Amino acid sequence: MELFYNKFYFRPRYIARSIYSMIVDSTQRRKLLKEGAQYLSYMKKRKRAAGCQ
């Protein structure tokens, strides 16, 4: 599952579109930055939980 999410969110086209929308729209910038932080936090917790098992 982690591989799927990484392949989706770290595609060059997705990143470029996200950066463009963040430059143009400040509301979108806040939303995407918040979602990005949540995603990275989730993946960090997931890796930590997988390492404990």
PDB file of N, CA and C in Angstrom:
ATOM      1  N   MET A   1       0.824  -1.185   0.000  1.00  0.00           N
ATOM      2  CA  MET A   1       0.000   0.000   0.000  1.00  0.00           C
ATOM      3  C   MET A   1       0.875   1.257   0.000  1.00  0.00           C
ATOM      4  N   GLU A   2       1.943   1.204   0.759  1.00  0.00           N
ATOM      5  CA  GLU A   2       2.840   2.355   0.817  1.00  0.00           C
ATOM      6  C   GLU A   2       3.438   2.647  -0.557  1.00  0.00           C
ATOM      7  N   LEU A   3       3.783   1.601  -1.271  1.00  0.00           N
ATOM      8  CA  LEU A   3       4.348   1.772  -2.607  1.00  0.00           C
ATOM      9  C   LEU A   3       3.349   2.455  -3.542  1.00  0.00           C
ATOM     10  N   PHE A   4       2.086   2.065  -3.456  1.00  0.00           N
ATOM     11  CA  PHE A   4       1.048   2.675  -4.281  1.00  0.00           C
ATOM     12  C   PHE A   4       0.954   4.177  -4.002  1.00  0.00           C
ATOM     13  N   TYR A   5       0.860   4.543  -2.719  1.00  0.00           N
ATOM     14  CA  TYR A   5       0.741   5.955  -2.366  1.00  0.00           C
ATOM     15  C   TYR A   5       1.969   6.743  -2.799  1.00  0.00           C
ATOM     16  N   ASN A   6       3.138   6.185  -2.586  1.00  0.00           N
ATOM     17  CA  ASN A   6       4.357   6.885  -3.003  1.00  0.00           C
ATOM     18  C   ASN A   6       4.410   7.074  -4.507  1.00  0.00           C
ATOM     19  N   LYS A   7       4.019   6.051  -5.250  1.00  0.00           N
ATOM     20  CA  LYS A   7       4.014   6.178  -6.714  1.00  0.00           C
ATOM     21  C   LYS A   7       3.016   7.239  -7.164  1.00  0.00           C
ATOM     22  N   PHE A   8       1.887   7.347  -6.480  1.00  0.00           N
ATOM     23  CA  PHE A   8       0.873   8.320  -6.866  1.00  0.00           C
ATOM     24  C   PHE A   8       1.290   9.739  -6.502  1.00  0.00           C
ATOM     25  N   TYR A   9       1.648   9.958  -5.251  1.00  0.00           N
ATOM     26  CA  TYR A   9       1.900  11.319  -4.773  1.00  0.00           C
ATOM     27  C   TYR A   9       3.242  11.887  -5.192  1.00  0.00           C
ATOM     28  N   PHE A  10       4.194  11.064  -5.553  1.00  0.00           N
ATOM     29  CA  PHE A  10       5.499  11.573  -5.934  1.00  0.00           C
ATOM     30  C   PHE A  10       5.742  11.512  -7.438  1.00  0.00           C
ATOM     31  N   ARG A  11       4.660  11.485  -8.212  1.00  0.00           N
ATOM     32  CA  ARG A  11       4.786  11.576  -9.669  1.00  0.00           C
ATOM     33  C   ARG A  11       5.145  13.013 -10.043  1.00  0.00           C
ATOM     34  N   PRO A  12       6.027  13.209 -10.993  1.00  0.00           N
ATOM     35  CA  PRO A  12       6.405  14.576 -11.396  1.00  0.00           C
ATOM     36  C   PRO A  12       5.213  15.423 -11.845  1.00  0.00           C
ATOM     37  N   ARG A  13       4.285  14.831 -12.581  1.00  0.00           N
ATOM     38  CA  ARG A  13       3.138  15.597 -13.068  1.00  0.00           C
ATOM     39  C   ARG A  13       2.251  16.050 -11.914  1.00  0.00           C
ATOM     40  N   TYR A  14       2.021  15.173 -10.945  1.00  0.00           N
ATOM     41  CA  TYR A  14       1.195  15.520  -9.780  1.00  0.00           C
ATOM     42  C   TYR A  14       1.866  16.634  -8.968  1.00  0.00           C
ATOM     43  N   ILE A  15       3.166  16.509  -8.775  1.00  0.00           N
ATOM     44  CA  ILE A  15       3.907  17.521  -8.018  1.00  0.00           C
ATOM     45  C   ILE A  15       3.859  18.868  -8.742  1.00  0.00           C
ATOM     46  N   ALA A  16       4.066  18.859 -10.048  1.00  0.00           N
ATOM     47  CA  ALA A  16       4.045  20.101 -10.821  1.00  0.00           C
ATOM     48  C   ALA A  16       2.672  20.765 -10.762  1.00  0.00           C
ATOM     49  N   ARG A  17       1.613  19.977 -10.916  1.00  0.00           N
ATOM     50  CA  ARG A  17       0.253  20.532 -10.832  1.00  0.00           C
ATOM     51  C   ARG A  17      -0.029  21.105  -9.452  1.00  0.00           C
ATOM     52  N   SER A  18       0.435  20.403  -8.426  1.00  0.00           N
ATOM     53  CA  SER A  18       0.213  20.858  -7.052  1.00  0.00           C
ATOM     54  C   SER A  18       0.956  22.164  -6.787  1.00  0.00           C
ATOM     55  N   ILE A  19       2.192  22.239  -7.232  1.00  0.00           N
ATOM     56  CA  ILE A  19       2.978  23.459  -7.032  1.00  0.00           C
ATOM     57  C   ILE A  19       2.325  24.626  -7.761  1.00  0.00           C
ATOM     58  N   TYR A  20       1.888  24.395  -8.983  1.00  0.00           N
ATOM     59  CA  TYR A  20       1.224  25.459  -9.743  1.00  0.00           C
ATOM     60  C   TYR A  20      -0.032  25.937  -9.026  1.00  0.00           C
ATOM     61  N   SER A  21      -0.853  25.004  -8.543  1.00  0.00           N
ATOM     62  CA  SER A  21      -2.090  25.405  -7.874  1.00  0.00           C
ATOM     63  C   SER A  21      -1.799  26.113  -6.553  1.00  0.00           C
ATOM     64  N   MET A  22      -0.687  25.761  -5.893  1.00  0.00           N
ATOM     65  CA  MET A  22      -0.321  26.444  -4.654  1.00  0.00           C
ATOM     66  C   MET A  22       0.148  27.871  -4.929  1.00  0.00           C
ATOM     67  N   ILE A  23       0.812  28.083  -6.053  1.00  0.00           N
ATOM     68  CA  ILE A  23       1.273  29.423  -6.413  1.00  0.00           C
ATOM     69  C   ILE A  23       0.083  30.322  -6.734  1.00  0.00           C
ATOM     70  N   VAL A  24      -0.894  29.775  -7.436  1.00  0.00           N
ATOM     71  CA  VAL A  24      -2.036  30.554  -7.901  1.00  0.00           C
ATOM     72  C   VAL A  24      -3.063  30.817  -6.800  1.00  0.00           C
ATOM     73  N   ASP A  25      -3.302  29.845  -5.937  1.00  0.00           N
ATOM     74  CA  ASP A  25      -4.402  29.932  -4.972  1.00  0.00           C
ATOM     75  C   ASP A  25      -3.904  29.670  -3.548  1.00  0.00           C
ATOM     76  N   SER A  26      -3.985  30.683  -2.693  1.00  0.00           N
ATOM     77  CA  SER A  26      -3.473  30.540  -1.323  1.00  0.00           C
ATOM     78  C   SER A  26      -4.315  29.564  -0.502  1.00  0.00           C
ATOM     79  N   THR A  27      -5.600  29.469  -0.768  1.00  0.00           N
ATOM     80  CA  THR A  27      -6.447  28.513  -0.059  1.00  0.00           C
ATOM     81  C   THR A  27      -6.026  27.090  -0.404  1.00  0.00           C
ATOM     82  N   GLN A  28      -5.776  26.856  -1.667  1.00  0.00           N
ATOM     83  CA  GLN A  28      -5.317  25.544  -2.124  1.00  0.00           C
ATOM     84  C   GLN A  28      -3.947  25.221  -1.529  1.00  0.00           C
ATOM     85  N   ARG A  29      -3.092  26.249  -1.413  1.00  0.00           N
ATOM     86  CA  ARG A  29      -1.764  26.050  -0.838  1.00  0.00           C
ATOM     87  C   ARG A  29      -1.877  25.536   0.601  1.00  0.00           C
ATOM     88  N   ARG A  30      -2.709  26.186   1.407  1.00  0.00           N
ATOM     89  CA  ARG A  30      -2.889  25.739   2.791  1.00  0.00           C
ATOM     90  C   ARG A  30      -3.432  24.320   2.845  1.00  0.00           C
ATOM     91  N   LYS A  31      -4.401  24.026   1.995  1.00  0.00           N
ATOM     92  CA  LYS A  31      -5.024  22.696   1.965  1.00  0.00           C
ATOM     93  C   LYS A  31      -4.000  21.614   1.604  1.00  0.00           C
ATOM     94  N   LEU A  32      -3.245  21.848   0.534  1.00  0.00           N
ATOM     95  CA  LEU A  32      -2.272  20.855   0.074  1.00  0.00           C
ATOM     96  C   LEU A  32      -1.124  20.666   1.060  1.00  0.00           C
ATOM     97  N   LEU A  33      -0.675  21.757   1.683  1.00  0.00           N
ATOM     98  CA  LEU A  33       0.395  21.628   2.669  1.00  0.00           C
ATOM     99  C   LEU A  33      -0.083  20.848   3.887  1.00  0.00           C
ATOM    100  N   LYS A  34      -1.320  21.084   4.302  1.00  0.00           N
ATOM    101  CA  LYS A  34      -1.883  20.349   5.434  1.00  0.00           C
ATOM    102  C   LYS A  34      -2.016  18.860   5.085  1.00  0.00           C
ATOM    103  N   GLU A  35      -2.540  18.574   3.892  1.00  0.00           N
ATOM    104  CA  GLU A  35      -2.689  17.185   3.458  1.00  0.00           C
ATOM    105  C   GLU A  35      -1.333  16.496   3.330  1.00  0.00           C
ATOM    106  N   GLY A  36      -0.334  17.216   2.835  1.00  0.00           N
ATOM    107  CA  GLY A  36       1.004  16.651   2.706  1.00  0.00           C
ATOM    108  C   GLY A  36       1.602  16.302   4.060  1.00  0.00           C
ATOM    109  N   ALA A  37       1.419  17.184   5.022  1.00  0.00           N
ATOM    110  CA  ALA A  37       1.929  16.926   6.372  1.00  0.00           C
ATOM    111  C   ALA A  37       1.210  15.724   6.985  1.00  0.00           C
ATOM    112  N   GLN A  38      -0.092  15.631   6.773  1.00  0.00           N
ATOM    113  CA  GLN A  38      -0.859  14.495   7.288  1.00  0.00           C
ATOM    114  C   GLN A  38      -0.389  13.190   6.646  1.00  0.00           C
ATOM    115  N   TYR A  39      -0.143  13.211   5.357  1.00  0.00           N
ATOM    116  CA  TYR A  39       0.319  12.021   4.642  1.00  0.00           C
ATOM    117  C   TYR A  39       1.668  11.557   5.183  1.00  0.00           C
ATOM    118  N   LEU A  40       2.596  12.494   5.321  1.00  0.00           N
ATOM    119  CA  LEU A  40       3.924  12.124   5.809  1.00  0.00           C
ATOM    120  C   LEU A  40       3.865  11.615   7.248  1.00  0.00           C
ATOM    121  N   SER A  41       3.027  12.220   8.062  1.00  0.00           N
ATOM    122  CA  SER A  41       2.858  11.770   9.444  1.00  0.00           C
ATOM    123  C   SER A  41       2.272  10.364   9.483  1.00  0.00           C
ATOM    124  N   TYR A  42       1.273  10.118   8.645  1.00  0.00           N
ATOM    125  CA  TYR A  42       0.644   8.795   8.582  1.00  0.00           C
ATOM    126  C   TYR A  42       1.655   7.731   8.169  1.00  0.00           C
ATOM    127  N   MET A  43       2.443   8.019   7.155  1.00  0.00           N
ATOM    128  CA  MET A  43       3.426   7.051   6.683  1.00  0.00           C
ATOM    129  C   MET A  43       4.513   6.806   7.731  1.00  0.00           C
ATOM    130  N   LYS A  44       4.889   7.845   8.455  1.00  0.00           N
ATOM    131  CA  LYS A  44       5.887   7.692   9.504  1.00  0.00           C
ATOM    132  C   LYS A  44       5.361   6.776  10.612  1.00  0.00           C
ATOM    133  N   LYS A  45       4.110   6.990  11.020  1.00  0.00           N
ATOM    134  CA  LYS A  45       3.492   6.144  12.045  1.00  0.00           C
ATOM    135  C   LYS A  45       3.348   4.713  11.550  1.00  0.00           C
ATOM    136  N   ARG A  46       3.004   4.575  10.302  1.00  0.00           N
ATOM    137  CA  ARG A  46       2.827   3.235   9.714  1.00  0.00           C
ATOM    138  C   ARG A  46       4.141   2.461   9.707  1.00  0.00           C
ATOM    139  N   LYS A  47       5.231   3.136   9.328  1.00  0.00           N
ATOM    140  CA  LYS A  47       6.547   2.489   9.324  1.00  0.00           C
ATOM    141  C   LYS A  47       6.957   2.104  10.743  1.00  0.00           C
ATOM    142  N   ARG A  48       6.686   3.018  11.682  1.00  0.00           N
ATOM    143  CA  ARG A  48       7.045   2.751  13.082  1.00  0.00           C
ATOM    144  C   ARG A  48       6.272   1.554  13.599  1.00  0.00           C
ATOM    145  N   ALA A  49       4.975   1.467  13.285  1.00  0.00           N
ATOM    146  CA  ALA A  49       4.141   0.347  13.737  1.00  0.00           C
ATOM    147  C   ALA A  49       4.586  -0.956  13.077  1.00  0.00           C
ATOM    148  N   ALA A  50       4.972  -0.912  11.830  1.00  0.00           N
ATOM    149  CA  ALA A  50       5.416  -2.109  11.131  1.00  0.00           C
ATOM    150  C   ALA A  50       6.740  -2.626  11.702  1.00  0.00           C
ATOM    151  N   GLY A  51       7.566  -1.708  12.174  1.00  0.00           N
ATOM    152  CA  GLY A  51       8.848  -2.103  12.741  1.00  0.00           C
ATOM    153  C   GLY A  51       8.720  -2.748  14.105  1.00  0.00           C
ATOM    154  N   CYS A  52       7.636  -2.448  14.819  1.00  0.00           N
ATOM    155  CA  CYS A  52       7.431  -2.995  16.167  1.00  0.00           C
ATOM    156  C   CYS A  52       6.886  -4.412  16.139  1.00  0.00           C
ATOM    157  N   GLN A  53       6.341  -4.845  15.035  1.00  0.00           N
ATOM    158  CA  GLN A  53       5.709  -6.171  14.986  1.00  0.00           C
ATOM    159  C   GLN A  53       6.687  -7.255  14.700  1.00  0.00           C
TER     160      GLN A  53
END
